[in-house]
Amino acid sequence: MFHQPDSFTKDAPFQSTNSMANTNTMPAPKSTRHYTRPGVAAAARLISLEPITNEVIEKWSTALNNYPAMLAAKKGEKLVKLDKKLDKIASTWQSSLGKAADAQSDEPVLTKAQLLDNIIEWKFLKGKPRNALKPLLNSNSDVTIQECSRRAFGIAKSIRQCGPSHEHWDESNNGISMAISELCNLKGIGPATASAILGMYRPEIFAFMDDEVIECLYDGKRGYTMKIYLDVNGRCRELADQLENKREQFSNDGSDDVKWTPYRVGQALWTVATMSATKNEELLSQIFENDESKTIQCNVTEDSKIERKRGKKGDSTARRKRRKP
């Protein structure tokens, strides 16, 4: 189950690592916020389920297990097939982890075909298509894409997991921003698309920057900058640490083999948001009480109105500047 353009001509405005806020102090999303993406209120509701008990973990697991079904609900079998292709690519890349590369051919690498025909196609179907970026993306040579991805994967491979104590958090964030930056050297690639690529390689470090995940976790206006990615990714890492810590406590028999990662946290949140956006009351009722899911559905309707109203007015200059994979 693996998996948008971001800012100006090429990417979201880039900021140096030194200016980025420490993500482990990021506040939780406000329950009273108004979201512009349909269904985000439901994802925020999932995060609000505290304390994390065995029952709450089961709700998160139910969300994650329905990820393929929501892919199908969003864009049909085409998106499901693309997601499976990404799974296969990810498995190949991840097979190099834990062992030294004897030659350059042993290192994971992203090809132009994989980028354009699989990852970009998947991303544009799953989220908002940024077709204006396709000429820029296509202008990258296969050699350049492979060189940038090889450097990015090399950096990503060296990043240490922090764990609940957040030890080495700043060091880890430096590595994350460096790996993202390498991919952002490619034309048409921003932090969002870069997070999709690196999340396939190291899902225990990188979450994918879905619009729904950004709105759910970022306490500000949705955007696609490096700073926003580090904030959102940091929150996904915190949630993954909390869920995994409790899962290990409750899974005494070892029957639950779903290890929580930032990538899977993002998938679960996107899934719940899509359940709500598509008005799937049956699946929502498996996660929330029926009366609560109805309340969430009302919020989704209001969110949709906001989104449609903004669409009619057209994009402002500020919104255009914030776009990019």
C-alpha atoms as a PDB file:
ATOM      1  CA  MET A   1       0.000   0.000   0.000  1.00  0.00           C
ATOM      2  CA  PHE A   2       2.387   2.621  -1.157  1.00  0.00           C
ATOM      3  CA  HIS A   3       2.237   5.740  -2.789  1.00  0.00           C
ATOM      4  CA  GLN A   4       1.488  16.530  -5.707  1.00  0.00           C
ATOM      5  CA  PRO A   5       3.227  19.436  -7.396  1.00  0.00           C
ATOM      6  CA  ASP A   6       4.070  22.104  -4.768  1.00  0.00           C
ATOM      7  CA  SER A   7       5.029  25.706  -5.378  1.00  0.00           C
ATOM      8  CA  PHE A   8       6.320  28.190  -7.948  1.00  0.00           C
ATOM      9  CA  THR A   9       7.664  27.122 -11.360  1.00  0.00           C
ATOM     10  CA  LYS A  10       9.270  24.170  -9.778  1.00  0.00           C
ATOM     11  CA  ASP A  11       8.534  23.749  -6.144  1.00  0.00           C
ATOM     12  CA  ALA A  12       7.358  25.130  -2.905  1.00  0.00           C
ATOM     13  CA  PRO A  13       9.505  27.958  -1.559  1.00  0.00           C
ATOM     14  CA  PHE A  14      12.575  26.316  -0.135  1.00  0.00           C
ATOM     15  CA  GLN A  15      13.830  27.135   3.335  1.00  0.00           C
ATOM     16  CA  SER A  16      17.105  26.237   4.930  1.00  0.00           C
ATOM     17  CA  THR A  17      17.130  23.558   7.609  1.00  0.00           C
ATOM     18  CA  ASN A  18      18.352  25.975  10.249  1.00  0.00           C
ATOM     19  CA  SER A  19      15.184  28.047  10.006  1.00  0.00           C
ATOM     20  CA  MET A  20      12.837  25.129  10.507  1.00  0.00           C
ATOM     21  CA  ALA A  21      10.845  24.685  13.676  1.00  0.00           C
ATOM     22  CA  ASN A  22      11.296  21.666  15.857  1.00  0.00           C
ATOM     23  CA  THR A  23       8.398  19.430  14.857  1.00  0.00           C
ATOM     24  CA  ASN A  24       8.050  17.611  18.158  1.00  0.00           C
ATOM     25  CA  THR A  25       6.524  20.721  19.708  1.00  0.00           C
ATOM     26  CA  MET A  26       3.831  21.049  17.069  1.00  0.00           C
ATOM     27  CA  PRO A  27       0.334  21.493  18.563  1.00  0.00           C
ATOM     28  CA  ALA A  28      -2.395  18.969  17.901  1.00  0.00           C
ATOM     29  CA  PRO A  29      -4.975  19.895  15.262  1.00  0.00           C
ATOM     30  CA  LYS A  30      -7.851  22.027  16.501  1.00  0.00           C
ATOM     31  CA  SER A  31     -11.186  20.238  16.569  1.00  0.00           C
ATOM     32  CA  THR A  32     -13.056  23.466  15.709  1.00  0.00           C
ATOM     33  CA  ARG A  33     -11.102  24.198  12.519  1.00  0.00           C
ATOM     34  CA  HIS A  34     -12.801  24.592   9.164  1.00  0.00           C
ATOM     35  CA  TYR A  35     -11.169  22.417   6.515  1.00  0.00           C
ATOM     36  CA  THR A  36     -11.114  23.044   2.779  1.00  0.00           C
ATOM     37  CA  ARG A  37     -10.669  19.386   1.820  1.00  0.00           C
ATOM     38  CA  PRO A  38     -13.735  17.120   2.157  1.00  0.00           C
ATOM     39  CA  GLY A  39     -13.534  14.525   4.923  1.00  0.00           C
ATOM     40  CA  VAL A  40     -10.615  15.983   6.869  1.00  0.00           C
ATOM     41  CA  ALA A  41     -12.822  16.475   9.951  1.00  0.00           C
ATOM     42  CA  ALA A  42     -13.174  12.682  10.169  1.00  0.00           C
ATOM     43  CA  ALA A  43      -9.413  12.198  10.073  1.00  0.00           C
ATOM     44  CA  ALA A  44      -9.029  14.799  12.821  1.00  0.00           C
ATOM     45  CA  ARG A  45     -11.624  12.863  14.822  1.00  0.00           C
ATOM     46  CA  LEU A  46      -9.489   9.721  14.553  1.00  0.00           C
ATOM     47  CA  ILE A  47      -6.481  11.567  15.959  1.00  0.00           C
ATOM     48  CA  SER A  48      -8.573  12.866  18.853  1.00  0.00           C
ATOM     49  CA  LEU A  49      -9.330   9.358  20.140  1.00  0.00           C
ATOM     50  CA  GLU A  50      -7.369   9.328  23.399  1.00  0.00           C
ATOM     51  CA  PRO A  51      -5.929   7.742  25.374  1.00  0.00           C
ATOM     52  CA  ILE A  52      -4.561   5.158  22.942  1.00  0.00           C
ATOM     53  CA  THR A  53      -6.042   1.868  24.059  1.00  0.00           C
ATOM     54  CA  ASN A  54      -6.213  -1.497  22.344  1.00  0.00           C
ATOM     55  CA  GLU A  55      -9.655  -0.495  21.028  1.00  0.00           C
ATOM     56  CA  VAL A  56      -8.281   2.738  19.564  1.00  0.00           C
ATOM     57  CA  ILE A  57      -5.457   0.847  17.861  1.00  0.00           C
ATOM     58  CA  GLU A  58      -8.053  -1.465  16.335  1.00  0.00           C
ATOM     59  CA  LYS A  59      -9.870   1.583  14.936  1.00  0.00           C
ATOM     60  CA  TRP A  60      -6.636   2.816  13.338  1.00  0.00           C
ATOM     61  CA  SER A  61      -6.018  -0.671  11.960  1.00  0.00           C
ATOM     62  CA  THR A  62      -9.543  -0.796  10.524  1.00  0.00           C
ATOM     63  CA  ALA A  63      -8.840   2.482   8.745  1.00  0.00           C
ATOM     64  CA  LEU A  64      -5.545   1.227   7.332  1.00  0.00           C
ATOM     65  CA  ASN A  65      -7.069  -2.078   6.199  1.00  0.00           C
ATOM     66  CA  ASN A  66      -9.655  -0.178   4.150  1.00  0.00           C
ATOM     67  CA  TYR A  67      -7.025   1.851   2.277  1.00  0.00           C
ATOM     68  CA  PRO A  68      -7.302  -0.250  -0.945  1.00  0.00           C
ATOM     69  CA  ALA A  69     -11.107   0.024  -0.852  1.00  0.00           C
ATOM     70  CA  MET A  70     -10.891   3.816  -0.606  1.00  0.00           C
ATOM     71  CA  LEU A  71      -8.416   3.953  -3.488  1.00  0.00           C
ATOM     72  CA  ALA A  72     -11.035   2.127  -5.548  1.00  0.00           C
ATOM     73  CA  ALA A  73     -13.773   4.453  -4.292  1.00  0.00           C
ATOM     74  CA  LYS A  74     -11.671   7.487  -5.267  1.00  0.00           C
ATOM     75  CA  LYS A  75     -10.567   6.562  -8.797  1.00  0.00           C
ATOM     76  CA  GLY A  76     -11.465   2.947  -9.457  1.00  0.00           C
ATOM     77  CA  GLU A  77      -9.314   0.009 -10.452  1.00  0.00           C
ATOM     78  CA  LYS A  78      -6.755   2.169 -12.271  1.00  0.00           C
ATOM     79  CA  LEU A  79      -5.602   3.760  -9.024  1.00  0.00           C
ATOM     80  CA  VAL A  80      -5.594   0.410  -7.237  1.00  0.00           C
ATOM     81  CA  LYS A  81      -3.346  -1.083  -9.925  1.00  0.00           C
ATOM     82  CA  LEU A  82      -0.980   1.883  -9.808  1.00  0.00           C
ATOM     83  CA  ASP A  83      -0.747   1.550  -6.041  1.00  0.00           C
ATOM     84  CA  LYS A  84       0.183  -2.113  -6.414  1.00  0.00           C
ATOM     85  CA  LYS A  85       2.885  -1.136  -8.923  1.00  0.00           C
ATOM     86  CA  LEU A  86       4.298   1.264  -6.363  1.00  0.00           C
ATOM     87  CA  ASP A  87       4.298  -1.580  -3.845  1.00  0.00           C
ATOM     88  CA  LYS A  88       6.496  -3.645  -6.138  1.00  0.00           C
ATOM     89  CA  ILE A  89       8.886  -0.767  -6.786  1.00  0.00           C
ATOM     90  CA  ALA A  90       9.068  -0.074  -3.056  1.00  0.00           C
ATOM     91  CA  SER A  91       9.863  -3.703  -2.275  1.00  0.00           C
ATOM     92  CA  THR A  92      12.739  -3.636  -4.758  1.00  0.00           C
ATOM     93  CA  TRP A  93      14.158  -0.429  -3.272  1.00  0.00           C
ATOM     94  CA  GLN A  94      13.775  -1.622   0.308  1.00  0.00           C
ATOM     95  CA  SER A  95      15.580  -4.888  -0.410  1.00  0.00           C
ATOM     96  CA  SER A  96      18.842  -2.920  -0.485  1.00  0.00           C
ATOM     97  CA  LEU A  97      18.412  -1.717   3.105  1.00  0.00           C
ATOM     98  CA  GLY A  98      20.491  -3.428   5.746  1.00  0.00           C
ATOM     99  CA  LYS A  99      23.225  -4.493   3.361  1.00  0.00           C
ATOM    100  CA  ALA A 100      26.189  -2.724   1.814  1.00  0.00           C
ATOM    101  CA  ALA A 101      26.084  -1.973  -1.903  1.00  0.00           C
ATOM    102  CA  ASP A 102      28.963  -3.782  -3.629  1.00  0.00           C
ATOM    103  CA  ALA A 103      28.439  -1.838  -6.814  1.00  0.00           C
ATOM    104  CA  GLN A 104      26.422   1.094  -8.116  1.00  0.00           C
ATOM    105  CA  SER A 105      24.029  -1.392  -9.710  1.00  0.00           C
ATOM    106  CA  ASP A 106      23.091  -2.645  -6.223  1.00  0.00           C
ATOM    107  CA  GLU A 107      21.869   0.784  -5.101  1.00  0.00           C
ATOM    108  CA  PRO A 108      18.171   1.689  -5.380  1.00  0.00           C
ATOM    109  CA  VAL A 109      17.411   4.146  -8.152  1.00  0.00           C
ATOM    110  CA  LEU A 110      14.364   5.902  -9.596  1.00  0.00           C
ATOM    111  CA  THR A 111      13.951   5.821 -13.362  1.00  0.00           C
ATOM    112  CA  LYS A 112      12.125   8.353 -15.529  1.00  0.00           C
ATOM    113  CA  ALA A 113       9.533   5.740 -16.464  1.00  0.00           C
ATOM    114  CA  GLN A 114       8.857   4.933 -12.814  1.00  0.00           C
ATOM    115  CA  LEU A 115       8.531   8.612 -11.975  1.00  0.00           C
ATOM    116  CA  LEU A 116       6.207   9.639 -14.824  1.00  0.00           C
ATOM    117  CA  ASP A 117       4.221   6.472 -15.542  1.00  0.00           C
ATOM    118  CA  ASN A 118       3.773   5.270 -11.986  1.00  0.00           C
ATOM    119  CA  ILE A 119       4.428   7.762  -9.184  1.00  0.00           C
ATOM    120  CA  ILE A 120       3.199  10.963 -10.879  1.00  0.00           C
ATOM    121  CA  GLU A 121       0.255   9.173 -12.462  1.00  0.00           C
ATOM    122  CA  TRP A 122      -0.661   7.666  -9.070  1.00  0.00           C
ATOM    123  CA  LYS A 123      -0.269  10.982  -7.297  1.00  0.00           C
ATOM    124  CA  PHE A 124      -2.372  12.956  -9.773  1.00  0.00           C
ATOM    125  CA  LEU A 125      -5.164  10.368  -9.562  1.00  0.00           C
ATOM    126  CA  LYS A 126      -5.096  10.130  -5.770  1.00  0.00           C
ATOM    127  CA  GLY A 127      -5.008  13.901  -5.262  1.00  0.00           C
ATOM    128  CA  LYS A 128      -5.347  16.974  -7.429  1.00  0.00           C
ATOM    129  CA  PRO A 129      -3.822  16.641 -10.923  1.00  0.00           C
ATOM    130  CA  ARG A 130      -1.210  19.267 -11.734  1.00  0.00           C
ATOM    131  CA  ASN A 131      -1.100  18.658 -15.474  1.00  0.00           C
ATOM    132  CA  ALA A 132       0.669  21.968 -16.113  1.00  0.00           C
ATOM    133  CA  LEU A 133       3.734  20.415 -14.477  1.00  0.00           C
ATOM    134  CA  LYS A 134       3.987  17.505 -16.881  1.00  0.00           C
ATOM    135  CA  PRO A 135       6.188  19.342 -19.447  1.00  0.00           C
ATOM    136  CA  LEU A 136       8.594  20.287 -16.636  1.00  0.00           C
ATOM    137  CA  LEU A 137       8.643  16.756 -15.276  1.00  0.00           C
ATOM    138  CA  ASN A 138       9.183  15.310 -18.724  1.00  0.00           C
ATOM    139  CA  SER A 139      12.121  17.663 -19.364  1.00  0.00           C
ATOM    140  CA  ASN A 140      14.229  15.790 -16.784  1.00  0.00           C
ATOM    141  CA  SER A 141      16.529  13.257 -18.404  1.00  0.00           C
ATOM    142  CA  ASP A 142      16.570   9.681 -17.187  1.00  0.00           C
ATOM    143  CA  VAL A 143      20.228  10.066 -16.198  1.00  0.00           C
ATOM    144  CA  THR A 144      19.517  13.156 -14.089  1.00  0.00           C
ATOM    145  CA  ILE A 145      16.577  11.486 -12.364  1.00  0.00           C
ATOM    146  CA  GLN A 146      18.668   8.454 -11.537  1.00  0.00           C
ATOM    147  CA  GLU A 147      21.566  10.541 -10.222  1.00  0.00           C
ATOM    148  CA  CYS A 148      19.337  12.713  -7.983  1.00  0.00           C
ATOM    149  CA  SER A 149      17.426   9.724  -6.669  1.00  0.00           C
ATOM    150  CA  ARG A 150      20.609   7.782  -5.950  1.00  0.00           C
ATOM    151  CA  ARG A 151      21.935  10.660  -3.837  1.00  0.00           C
ATOM    152  CA  ALA A 152      18.564  11.109  -2.087  1.00  0.00           C
ATOM    153  CA  PHE A 153      18.303   7.415  -1.281  1.00  0.00           C
ATOM    154  CA  GLY A 154      21.858   7.413   0.028  1.00  0.00           C
ATOM    155  CA  ILE A 155      21.015  10.204   2.457  1.00  0.00           C
ATOM    156  CA  ALA A 156      17.695   8.602   3.436  1.00  0.00           C
ATOM    157  CA  LYS A 157      19.407   5.299   4.134  1.00  0.00           C
ATOM    158  CA  SER A 158      21.652   6.910   6.747  1.00  0.00           C
ATOM    159  CA  ILE A 159      18.811   8.536   8.742  1.00  0.00           C
ATOM    160  CA  ARG A 160      18.355   7.056  12.193  1.00  0.00           C
ATOM    161  CA  GLN A 161      14.958   6.475  13.725  1.00  0.00           C
ATOM    162  CA  CYS A 162      14.389   8.621  16.805  1.00  0.00           C
ATOM    163  CA  GLY A 163      11.796   6.676  18.775  1.00  0.00           C
ATOM    164  CA  PRO A 164       9.442   8.108  21.422  1.00  0.00           C
ATOM    165  CA  SER A 165      12.300   9.900  23.215  1.00  0.00           C
ATOM    166  CA  HIS A 166      12.952  12.049  20.103  1.00  0.00           C
ATOM    167  CA  GLU A 167      16.661  11.476  20.571  1.00  0.00           C
ATOM    168  CA  HIS A 168      18.589  12.690  17.498  1.00  0.00           C
ATOM    169  CA  TRP A 169      15.385  14.458  16.282  1.00  0.00           C
ATOM    170  CA  ASP A 170      17.207  17.503  14.863  1.00  0.00           C
ATOM    171  CA  GLU A 171      19.827  15.312  13.224  1.00  0.00           C
ATOM    172  CA  SER A 172      17.089  13.207  11.688  1.00  0.00           C
ATOM    173  CA  ASN A 173      15.232  16.265  10.383  1.00  0.00           C
ATOM    174  CA  ASN A 174      18.444  17.511   8.781  1.00  0.00           C
ATOM    175  CA  GLY A 175      18.748  14.234   6.916  1.00  0.00           C
ATOM    176  CA  ILE A 176      15.092  14.325   5.895  1.00  0.00           C
ATOM    177  CA  SER A 177      15.379  17.853   4.492  1.00  0.00           C
ATOM    178  CA  MET A 178      18.621  16.967   2.678  1.00  0.00           C
ATOM    179  CA  ALA A 179      17.060  13.915   1.024  1.00  0.00           C
ATOM    180  CA  ILE A 180      13.967  15.883   0.014  1.00  0.00           C
ATOM    181  CA  SER A 181      16.184  18.684  -1.336  1.00  0.00           C
ATOM    182  CA  GLU A 182      18.080  16.319  -3.605  1.00  0.00           C
ATOM    183  CA  LEU A 183      14.878  15.261  -5.335  1.00  0.00           C
ATOM    184  CA  CYS A 184      13.685  18.869  -5.480  1.00  0.00           C
ATOM    185  CA  ASN A 185      16.632  19.565  -7.799  1.00  0.00           C
ATOM    186  CA  LEU A 186      14.534  17.866 -10.469  1.00  0.00           C
ATOM    187  CA  LYS A 187      12.246  20.106 -12.522  1.00  0.00           C
ATOM    188  CA  GLY A 188       8.616  19.935 -11.418  1.00  0.00           C
ATOM    189  CA  ILE A 189       9.389  18.096  -8.180  1.00  0.00           C
ATOM    190  CA  GLY A 190       8.552  19.599  -4.810  1.00  0.00           C
ATOM    191  CA  PRO A 191       8.474  18.296  -1.228  1.00  0.00           C
ATOM    192  CA  ALA A 192       5.128  16.530  -1.767  1.00  0.00           C
ATOM    193  CA  THR A 193       6.273  14.378  -4.694  1.00  0.00           C
ATOM    194  CA  ALA A 194       9.641  13.872  -3.058  1.00  0.00           C
ATOM    195  CA  SER A 195       7.870  12.593   0.071  1.00  0.00           C
ATOM    196  CA  ALA A 196       5.955  10.073  -2.037  1.00  0.00           C
ATOM    197  CA  ILE A 197       9.226   8.731  -3.467  1.00  0.00           C
ATOM    198  CA  LEU A 198      11.130   8.633  -0.187  1.00  0.00           C
ATOM    199  CA  GLY A 199       8.136   7.232   1.691  1.00  0.00           C
ATOM    200  CA  MET A 200       8.238   4.232  -0.607  1.00  0.00           C
ATOM    201  CA  TYR A 201      11.894   3.680   0.250  1.00  0.00           C
ATOM    202  CA  ARG A 202      11.806   4.380   4.001  1.00  0.00           C
ATOM    203  CA  PRO A 203       8.194   4.461   5.252  1.00  0.00           C
ATOM    204  CA  GLU A 204       9.428   4.402   8.858  1.00  0.00           C
ATOM    205  CA  ILE A 205      10.920   7.883   8.310  1.00  0.00           C
ATOM    206  CA  PHE A 206       8.866   9.607   5.571  1.00  0.00           C
ATOM    207  CA  ALA A 207       5.085  10.145   5.420  1.00  0.00           C
ATOM    208  CA  PHE A 208       3.459  11.136   2.128  1.00  0.00           C
ATOM    209  CA  MET A 209       2.267  14.756   1.945  1.00  0.00           C
ATOM    210  CA  ASP A 210      -1.395  14.155   1.020  1.00  0.00           C
ATOM    211  CA  ASP A 211      -3.576  17.288   1.067  1.00  0.00           C
ATOM    212  CA  GLU A 212      -5.864  15.660   3.622  1.00  0.00           C
ATOM    213  CA  VAL A 213      -2.948  14.768   5.873  1.00  0.00           C
ATOM    214  CA  ILE A 214      -1.542  18.306   5.687  1.00  0.00           C
ATOM    215  CA  GLU A 215      -4.862  19.902   6.628  1.00  0.00           C
ATOM    216  CA  CYS A 216      -5.440  17.417   9.410  1.00  0.00           C
ATOM    217  CA  LEU A 217      -2.041  17.843  11.069  1.00  0.00           C
ATOM    218  CA  TYR A 218      -0.710  21.284  10.141  1.00  0.00           C
ATOM    219  CA  ASP A 219      -1.954  24.081  12.376  1.00  0.00           C
ATOM    220  CA  GLY A 220      -2.022  26.655   9.610  1.00  0.00           C
ATOM    221  CA  LYS A 221      -2.913  27.200   5.973  1.00  0.00           C
ATOM    222  CA  ARG A 222      -2.238  24.217   3.716  1.00  0.00           C
ATOM    223  CA  GLY A 223       0.954  24.592   1.719  1.00  0.00           C
ATOM    224  CA  TYR A 224       3.776  22.520   0.257  1.00  0.00           C
ATOM    225  CA  THR A 225       6.945  24.030   1.683  1.00  0.00           C
ATOM    226  CA  MET A 226       9.781  22.155   3.339  1.00  0.00           C
ATOM    227  CA  LYS A 227       8.871  23.643   6.712  1.00  0.00           C
ATOM    228  CA  ILE A 228       5.280  22.440   6.432  1.00  0.00           C
ATOM    229  CA  TYR A 229       6.449  18.998   5.367  1.00  0.00           C
ATOM    230  CA  LEU A 230       8.753  18.695   8.367  1.00  0.00           C
ATOM    231  CA  ASP A 231       5.916  19.753  10.661  1.00  0.00           C
ATOM    232  CA  VAL A 232       3.460  17.270   9.169  1.00  0.00           C
ATOM    233  CA  ASN A 233       5.995  14.470   8.928  1.00  0.00           C
ATOM    234  CA  GLY A 234       7.064  15.084  12.517  1.00  0.00           C
ATOM    235  CA  ARG A 235       3.482  14.741  13.686  1.00  0.00           C
ATOM    236  CA  CYS A 236       3.080  11.504  11.712  1.00  0.00           C
ATOM    237  CA  ARG A 237       6.260  10.197  13.332  1.00  0.00           C
ATOM    238  CA  GLU A 238       4.947  11.063  16.786  1.00  0.00           C
ATOM    239  CA  LEU A 239       1.643   9.304  16.118  1.00  0.00           C
ATOM    240  CA  ALA A 240       3.434   6.280  14.701  1.00  0.00           C
ATOM    241  CA  ASP A 241       5.665   6.068  17.792  1.00  0.00           C
ATOM    242  CA  GLN A 242       2.651   6.274  20.104  1.00  0.00           C
ATOM    243  CA  LEU A 243       0.634   3.686  18.189  1.00  0.00           C
ATOM    244  CA  GLU A 244       3.556   1.293  17.820  1.00  0.00           C
ATOM    245  CA  ASN A 245       4.504   1.576  21.493  1.00  0.00           C
ATOM    246  CA  LYS A 246       0.964   0.696  22.570  1.00  0.00           C
ATOM    247  CA  ARG A 247       0.609  -1.993  19.910  1.00  0.00           C
ATOM    248  CA  GLU A 248       3.653  -3.764  21.289  1.00  0.00           C
ATOM    249  CA  GLN A 249       2.206  -3.579  24.784  1.00  0.00           C
ATOM    250  CA  PHE A 250      -1.146  -5.027  23.770  1.00  0.00           C
ATOM    251  CA  SER A 251       0.070  -7.607  21.206  1.00  0.00           C
ATOM    252  CA  ASN A 252       1.313 -10.208  23.665  1.00  0.00           C
ATOM    253  CA  ASP A 253       0.489 -13.106  21.362  1.00  0.00           C
ATOM    254  CA  GLY A 254       2.216 -11.489  18.384  1.00  0.00           C
ATOM    255  CA  SER A 255      -0.916 -11.886  16.255  1.00  0.00           C
ATOM    256  CA  ASP A 256      -0.973  -8.224  15.212  1.00  0.00           C
ATOM    257  CA  ASP A 257       1.847  -7.808  12.709  1.00  0.00           C
ATOM    258  CA  VAL A 258       0.935  -4.297  11.510  1.00  0.00           C
ATOM    259  CA  LYS A 259       3.887  -2.129  12.473  1.00  0.00           C
ATOM    260  CA  TRP A 260       2.961   1.546  12.573  1.00  0.00           C
ATOM    261  CA  THR A 261       5.102   3.926  10.534  1.00  0.00           C
ATOM    262  CA  PRO A 262       4.640   7.595   9.541  1.00  0.00           C
ATOM    263  CA  TYR A 263       3.709   6.417   6.057  1.00  0.00           C
ATOM    264  CA  ARG A 264       0.974   4.129   7.399  1.00  0.00           C
ATOM    265  CA  VAL A 265      -0.324   6.851   9.712  1.00  0.00           C
ATOM    266  CA  GLY A 266      -0.750   9.068   6.643  1.00  0.00           C
ATOM    267  CA  GLN A 267      -2.507   6.277   4.772  1.00  0.00           C
ATOM    268  CA  ALA A 268      -4.930   5.697   7.657  1.00  0.00           C
ATOM    269  CA  LEU A 269      -5.777   9.404   7.903  1.00  0.00           C
ATOM    270  CA  TRP A 270      -6.300   9.712   4.137  1.00  0.00           C
ATOM    271  CA  THR A 271      -8.510   6.612   4.215  1.00  0.00           C
ATOM    272  CA  VAL A 272     -10.811   7.960   6.938  1.00  0.00           C
ATOM    273  CA  ALA A 273     -11.030  11.335   5.176  1.00  0.00           C
ATOM    274  CA  THR A 274     -11.987   9.552   1.940  1.00  0.00           C
ATOM    275  CA  MET A 275     -14.579   7.410   3.733  1.00  0.00           C
ATOM    276  CA  SER A 276     -16.209  10.586   4.963  1.00  0.00           C
ATOM    277  CA  ALA A 277     -15.849  12.477   1.681  1.00  0.00           C
ATOM    278  CA  THR A 278     -17.517   9.614  -0.213  1.00  0.00           C
ATOM    279  CA  LYS A 279     -20.229   9.370   2.477  1.00  0.00           C
ATOM    280  CA  ASN A 280     -19.415   5.747   3.302  1.00  0.00           C
ATOM    281  CA  GLU A 281     -21.429   5.517   6.527  1.00  0.00           C
ATOM    282  CA  GLU A 282     -20.957   1.755   6.810  1.00  0.00           C
ATOM    283  CA  LEU A 283     -17.175   1.925   6.997  1.00  0.00           C
ATOM    284  CA  LEU A 284     -17.208   5.019   9.196  1.00  0.00           C
ATOM    285  CA  SER A 285     -19.448   3.200  11.658  1.00  0.00           C
ATOM    286  CA  GLN A 286     -16.736   0.572  12.079  1.00  0.00           C
ATOM    287  CA  ILE A 287     -14.412   3.276  13.399  1.00  0.00           C
ATOM    288  CA  PHE A 288     -16.772   5.751  15.080  1.00  0.00           C
ATOM    289  CA  GLU A 289     -20.115   5.503  16.807  1.00  0.00           C
ATOM    290  CA  ASN A 290     -23.019   6.032  14.412  1.00  0.00           C
ATOM    291  CA  ASP A 291     -24.095   9.308  15.955  1.00  0.00           C
ATOM    292  CA  GLU A 292     -20.516  10.662  15.713  1.00  0.00           C
ATOM    293  CA  SER A 293     -20.137   9.629  12.097  1.00  0.00           C
ATOM    294  CA  LYS A 294     -23.282  11.597  11.266  1.00  0.00           C
ATOM    295  CA  THR A 295     -21.779  14.688  12.839  1.00  0.00           C
ATOM    296  CA  ILE A 296     -18.659  14.202  10.785  1.00  0.00           C
ATOM    297  CA  GLN A 297     -20.736  13.811   7.637  1.00  0.00           C
ATOM    298  CA  CYS A 298     -22.304  17.221   8.248  1.00  0.00           C
ATOM    299  CA  ASN A 299     -18.843  18.722   8.551  1.00  0.00           C
ATOM    300  CA  VAL A 300     -17.866  17.155   5.250  1.00  0.00           C
ATOM    301  CA  THR A 301     -20.849  18.738   3.545  1.00  0.00           C
ATOM    302  CA  GLU A 302     -19.817  22.146   4.871  1.00  0.00           C
ATOM    303  CA  ASP A 303     -16.207  21.556   3.814  1.00  0.00           C
ATOM    304  CA  SER A 304     -17.343  20.690   0.306  1.00  0.00           C
ATOM    305  CA  LYS A 305     -19.282  23.940   0.078  1.00  0.00           C
ATOM    306  CA  ILE A 306     -16.191  25.900   1.066  1.00  0.00           C
ATOM    307  CA  GLU A 307     -14.082  24.090  -1.531  1.00  0.00           C
ATOM    308  CA  ARG A 308     -16.650  24.627  -4.299  1.00  0.00           C
ATOM    309  CA  LYS A 309     -17.012  28.310  -3.440  1.00  0.00           C
ATOM    310  CA  ARG A 310     -13.253  28.824  -3.648  1.00  0.00           C
ATOM    311  CA  GLY A 311     -13.160  26.941  -6.925  1.00  0.00           C
ATOM    312  CA  LYS A 312     -15.714  29.268  -8.464  1.00  0.00           C
ATOM    313  CA  LYS A 313     -13.702  32.314  -7.496  1.00  0.00           C
ATOM    314  CA  GLY A 314     -10.570  30.859  -8.998  1.00  0.00           C
ATOM    315  CA  ASP A 315      -7.083  30.581  -7.583  1.00  0.00           C
ATOM    316  CA  SER A 316      -5.497  33.628  -6.057  1.00  0.00           C
ATOM    317  CA  THR A 317      -1.874  34.498  -6.808  1.00  0.00           C
ATOM    318  CA  ALA A 318      -0.884  33.321  -3.336  1.00  0.00           C
ATOM    319  CA  ARG A 319      -2.521  29.915  -3.884  1.00  0.00           C
ATOM    320  CA  ARG A 320      -0.784  29.520  -7.254  1.00  0.00           C
ATOM    321  CA  LYS A 321       2.574  30.252  -5.685  1.00  0.00           C
ATOM    322  CA  ARG A 322       2.039  27.523  -3.110  1.00  0.00           C
ATOM    323  CA  ARG A 323       1.379  24.845  -5.723  1.00  0.00           C
ATOM    324  CA  LYS A 324       3.660  22.105  -6.882  1.00  0.00           C
ATOM    325  CA  PRO A 325       4.267  18.315  -6.500  1.00  0.00           C
END
